[in-house]
Amino acid sequence: MRKTKARRRLSMTSLIDVIFLLLLFFMLTSTFSKFSEVELTAAAQAADAPSDSPPLFLQLGAEDIRLNGEVLALQTLSDALTAETEETARVLLVALRDDVTAQRLTDLLVAIRGVANITPTVMEAT
C-alpha cells in the first residue's frame, strides 16, 4: 500500500513539472504584437493657425462623424478636411459623444494625421 501512494505522489509531481516546463517554454517562445502609436504633437503646431479663421467643428460618434454638421464617412474625412484647409491653416475642434471608444478616436487621429494645415484639438467631455 505504501508503494502505490509513493508512485502516485511521484507521478503527480512529474506531471506538474512537465506542465510548468511547457508553460515556461510557450511563454518564452511566444511573440507579442506591437501596438500602433499615434503621435500627438499638435500643440507645437498651434501657432501656425491664424486666429481670424474660424475653427472646424467635428463631432465623433460611435457610428457617424459630422464635420460642421455634415455627416461623413471616416474614409472621406481626409479629403473633406484637405478641401477646407487648402487656403489657410485651421483648427479642428473634435467633440466626443458618450458612446465613443478609444479605438474610434485613434482611428480618427490616424485618418487626419496626413492632412496639412490642420491642428486637431480634442475637447474634454463634459
C-alpha atoms as a PDB file:
ATOM      1  CA  MET A   1       0.000   0.000   0.000  1.00  0.00           C
ATOM      2  CA  ARG A   2       2.878   2.355   0.693  1.00  0.00           C
ATOM      3  CA  LYS A   3       4.348   1.706  -2.735  1.00  0.00           C
ATOM      4  CA  THR A   4       1.173   2.791  -4.576  1.00  0.00           C
ATOM      5  CA  LYS A   5       0.950   6.038  -2.588  1.00  0.00           C
ATOM      6  CA  ALA A   6       4.591   6.767  -3.335  1.00  0.00           C
ATOM      7  CA  ARG A   7       4.039   6.042  -7.041  1.00  0.00           C
ATOM      8  CA  ARG A   8       1.013   8.386  -7.121  1.00  0.00           C
ATOM      9  CA  ARG A   9       2.998  11.152  -5.449  1.00  0.00           C
ATOM     10  CA  LEU A  10       5.854  10.725  -7.928  1.00  0.00           C
ATOM     11  CA  SER A  11       3.539  10.707 -10.931  1.00  0.00           C
ATOM     12  CA  MET A  12       1.729  13.875  -9.747  1.00  0.00           C
ATOM     13  CA  THR A  13       4.992  15.695  -9.141  1.00  0.00           C
ATOM     14  CA  SER A  14       6.350  14.831 -12.556  1.00  0.00           C
ATOM     15  CA  LEU A  15       3.086  15.888 -14.252  1.00  0.00           C
ATOM     16  CA  ILE A  16       3.226  19.289 -12.538  1.00  0.00           C
ATOM     17  CA  ASP A  17       6.855  19.659 -13.556  1.00  0.00           C
ATOM     18  CA  VAL A  18       6.025  18.874 -17.176  1.00  0.00           C
ATOM     19  CA  ILE A  19       3.130  21.334 -17.182  1.00  0.00           C
ATOM     20  CA  PHE A  20       5.342  24.019 -15.641  1.00  0.00           C
ATOM     21  CA  LEU A  21       8.063  23.402 -18.226  1.00  0.00           C
ATOM     22  CA  LEU A  22       5.565  23.561 -21.089  1.00  0.00           C
ATOM     23  CA  LEU A  23       4.105  26.774 -19.724  1.00  0.00           C
ATOM     24  CA  LEU A  24       7.557  28.274 -19.361  1.00  0.00           C
ATOM     25  CA  PHE A  25       8.512  27.167 -22.888  1.00  0.00           C
ATOM     26  CA  PHE A  26       5.436  28.725 -24.500  1.00  0.00           C
ATOM     27  CA  MET A  27       5.788  31.934 -22.531  1.00  0.00           C
ATOM     28  CA  LEU A  28       9.403  32.394 -23.570  1.00  0.00           C
ATOM     29  CA  THR A  29       8.959  31.463 -27.229  1.00  0.00           C
ATOM     30  CA  SER A  30       5.782  33.400 -27.940  1.00  0.00           C
ATOM     31  CA  THR A  31       5.854  36.784 -29.660  1.00  0.00           C
ATOM     32  CA  PHE A  32       3.751  39.746 -28.755  1.00  0.00           C
ATOM     33  CA  SER A  33       2.322  42.088 -31.321  1.00  0.00           C
ATOM     34  CA  LYS A  34       3.302  45.735 -31.271  1.00  0.00           C
ATOM     35  CA  PHE A  35       0.578  48.282 -30.818  1.00  0.00           C
ATOM     36  CA  SER A  36       0.333  51.155 -33.221  1.00  0.00           C
ATOM     37  CA  GLU A  37       1.352  54.514 -31.858  1.00  0.00           C
ATOM     38  CA  VAL A  38      -0.254  57.818 -32.721  1.00  0.00           C
ATOM     39  CA  GLU A  39       1.972  60.843 -32.329  1.00  0.00           C
ATOM     40  CA  LEU A  40       0.211  63.680 -30.533  1.00  0.00           C
ATOM     41  CA  THR A  41       2.361  66.722 -31.259  1.00  0.00           C
ATOM     42  CA  ALA A  42      -0.405  69.082 -32.313  1.00  0.00           C
ATOM     43  CA  ALA A  43       0.363  71.537 -29.508  1.00  0.00           C
ATOM     44  CA  ALA A  44       3.622  72.567 -31.206  1.00  0.00           C
ATOM     45  CA  GLN A  45       1.759  73.404 -34.430  1.00  0.00           C
ATOM     46  CA  ALA A  46      -0.887  75.589 -32.788  1.00  0.00           C
ATOM     47  CA  ALA A  47       0.986  78.801 -33.601  1.00  0.00           C
ATOM     48  CA  ASP A  48       0.635  78.126 -37.346  1.00  0.00           C
ATOM     49  CA  ALA A  49      -3.144  78.513 -37.303  1.00  0.00           C
ATOM     50  CA  PRO A  50      -4.264  82.132 -37.741  1.00  0.00           C
ATOM     51  CA  SER A  51      -6.715  83.402 -35.169  1.00  0.00           C
ATOM     52  CA  ASP A  52      -9.052  85.088 -37.695  1.00  0.00           C
ATOM     53  CA  SER A  53     -10.033  81.863 -39.490  1.00  0.00           C
ATOM     54  CA  PRO A  54     -12.970  80.074 -37.857  1.00  0.00           C
ATOM     55  CA  PRO A  55     -12.288  76.603 -36.476  1.00  0.00           C
ATOM     56  CA  LEU A  56     -13.735  73.463 -37.987  1.00  0.00           C
ATOM     57  CA  PHE A  57     -16.040  71.515 -35.687  1.00  0.00           C
ATOM     58  CA  LEU A  58     -16.065  67.711 -35.778  1.00  0.00           C
ATOM     59  CA  GLN A  59     -18.439  65.555 -33.742  1.00  0.00           C
ATOM     60  CA  LEU A  60     -17.242  61.980 -33.327  1.00  0.00           C
ATOM     61  CA  GLY A  61     -19.813  59.314 -32.536  1.00  0.00           C
ATOM     62  CA  ALA A  62     -19.606  55.537 -32.402  1.00  0.00           C
ATOM     63  CA  GLU A  63     -21.328  55.190 -35.782  1.00  0.00           C
ATOM     64  CA  ASP A  64     -21.032  58.581 -37.501  1.00  0.00           C
ATOM     65  CA  ILE A  65     -18.780  61.596 -37.976  1.00  0.00           C
ATOM     66  CA  ARG A  66     -20.096  65.121 -38.530  1.00  0.00           C
ATOM     67  CA  LEU A  67     -17.864  67.861 -39.897  1.00  0.00           C
ATOM     68  CA  ASN A  68     -19.571  71.237 -39.399  1.00  0.00           C
ATOM     69  CA  GLY A  69     -22.920  69.408 -39.228  1.00  0.00           C
ATOM     70  CA  GLU A  70     -22.409  67.348 -42.400  1.00  0.00           C
ATOM     71  CA  VAL A  71     -22.336  63.566 -41.987  1.00  0.00           C
ATOM     72  CA  LEU A  72     -19.184  61.979 -43.441  1.00  0.00           C
ATOM     73  CA  ALA A  73     -17.561  58.564 -43.544  1.00  0.00           C
ATOM     74  CA  LEU A  74     -14.144  58.081 -41.951  1.00  0.00           C
ATOM     75  CA  GLN A  75     -12.669  57.239 -45.371  1.00  0.00           C
ATOM     76  CA  THR A  76     -13.779  60.558 -46.911  1.00  0.00           C
ATOM     77  CA  LEU A  77     -12.888  62.744 -43.931  1.00  0.00           C
ATOM     78  CA  SER A  78      -9.316  63.344 -45.047  1.00  0.00           C
ATOM     79  CA  ASP A  79     -10.462  64.650 -48.452  1.00  0.00           C
ATOM     80  CA  ALA A  80     -13.064  66.916 -46.874  1.00  0.00           C
ATOM     81  CA  LEU A  81     -10.521  68.377 -44.442  1.00  0.00           C
ATOM     82  CA  THR A  82      -7.998  68.904 -47.238  1.00  0.00           C
ATOM     83  CA  ALA A  83     -10.596  70.876 -49.202  1.00  0.00           C
ATOM     84  CA  GLU A  84     -11.364  73.017 -46.129  1.00  0.00           C
ATOM     85  CA  THR A  85      -7.698  73.805 -45.393  1.00  0.00           C
ATOM     86  CA  GLU A  86      -6.323  74.435 -48.894  1.00  0.00           C
ATOM     87  CA  GLU A  87      -6.160  78.216 -48.498  1.00  0.00           C
ATOM     88  CA  THR A  88      -5.360  78.689 -44.815  1.00  0.00           C
ATOM     89  CA  ALA A  89      -4.422  76.716 -41.719  1.00  0.00           C
ATOM     90  CA  ARG A  90      -7.373  75.839 -39.492  1.00  0.00           C
ATOM     91  CA  VAL A  91      -8.030  74.497 -36.028  1.00  0.00           C
ATOM     92  CA  LEU A  92     -10.124  71.309 -35.851  1.00  0.00           C
ATOM     93  CA  LEU A  93     -12.178  71.005 -32.667  1.00  0.00           C
ATOM     94  CA  VAL A  94     -13.095  67.365 -32.003  1.00  0.00           C
ATOM     95  CA  ALA A  95     -16.070  66.776 -29.690  1.00  0.00           C
ATOM     96  CA  LEU A  96     -16.618  63.227 -28.456  1.00  0.00           C
ATOM     97  CA  ARG A  97     -20.022  61.749 -27.791  1.00  0.00           C
ATOM     98  CA  ASP A  98     -20.612  59.478 -24.822  1.00  0.00           C
ATOM     99  CA  ASP A  99     -20.513  56.237 -26.828  1.00  0.00           C
ATOM    100  CA  VAL A 100     -17.080  56.815 -28.445  1.00  0.00           C
ATOM    101  CA  THR A 101     -14.363  54.269 -27.706  1.00  0.00           C
ATOM    102  CA  ALA A 102     -10.648  54.949 -27.513  1.00  0.00           C
ATOM    103  CA  GLN A 103     -10.134  52.861 -30.665  1.00  0.00           C
ATOM    104  CA  ARG A 104     -12.595  55.034 -32.580  1.00  0.00           C
ATOM    105  CA  LEU A 105     -10.704  58.186 -31.521  1.00  0.00           C
ATOM    106  CA  THR A 106      -7.410  56.573 -32.520  1.00  0.00           C
ATOM    107  CA  ASP A 107      -8.832  55.692 -35.946  1.00  0.00           C
ATOM    108  CA  LEU A 108      -9.885  59.313 -36.384  1.00  0.00           C
ATOM    109  CA  LEU A 109      -6.470  60.664 -35.392  1.00  0.00           C
ATOM    110  CA  VAL A 110      -4.752  58.264 -37.788  1.00  0.00           C
ATOM    111  CA  ALA A 111      -7.090  59.345 -40.599  1.00  0.00           C
ATOM    112  CA  ILE A 112      -6.379  63.063 -40.123  1.00  0.00           C
ATOM    113  CA  ARG A 113      -2.647  62.690 -39.437  1.00  0.00           C
ATOM    114  CA  GLY A 114      -1.717  63.242 -43.079  1.00  0.00           C
ATOM    115  CA  VAL A 115      -3.854  66.358 -43.583  1.00  0.00           C
ATOM    116  CA  ALA A 116      -1.765  69.524 -43.960  1.00  0.00           C
ATOM    117  CA  ASN A 117      -2.654  72.898 -42.408  1.00  0.00           C
ATOM    118  CA  ILE A 118      -4.773  71.447 -39.614  1.00  0.00           C
ATOM    119  CA  THR A 119      -4.346  71.500 -35.847  1.00  0.00           C
ATOM    120  CA  PRO A 120      -6.633  68.971 -34.114  1.00  0.00           C
ATOM    121  CA  THR A 121      -7.792  69.691 -30.582  1.00  0.00           C
ATOM    122  CA  VAL A 122      -9.769  67.029 -28.739  1.00  0.00           C
ATOM    123  CA  MET A 123     -12.225  68.693 -26.388  1.00  0.00           C
ATOM    124  CA  GLU A 124     -12.796  67.309 -22.927  1.00  0.00           C
ATOM    125  CA  ALA A 125     -16.105  65.561 -22.344  1.00  0.00           C
ATOM    126  CA  THR A 126     -18.480  67.369 -20.017  1.00  0.00           C
END
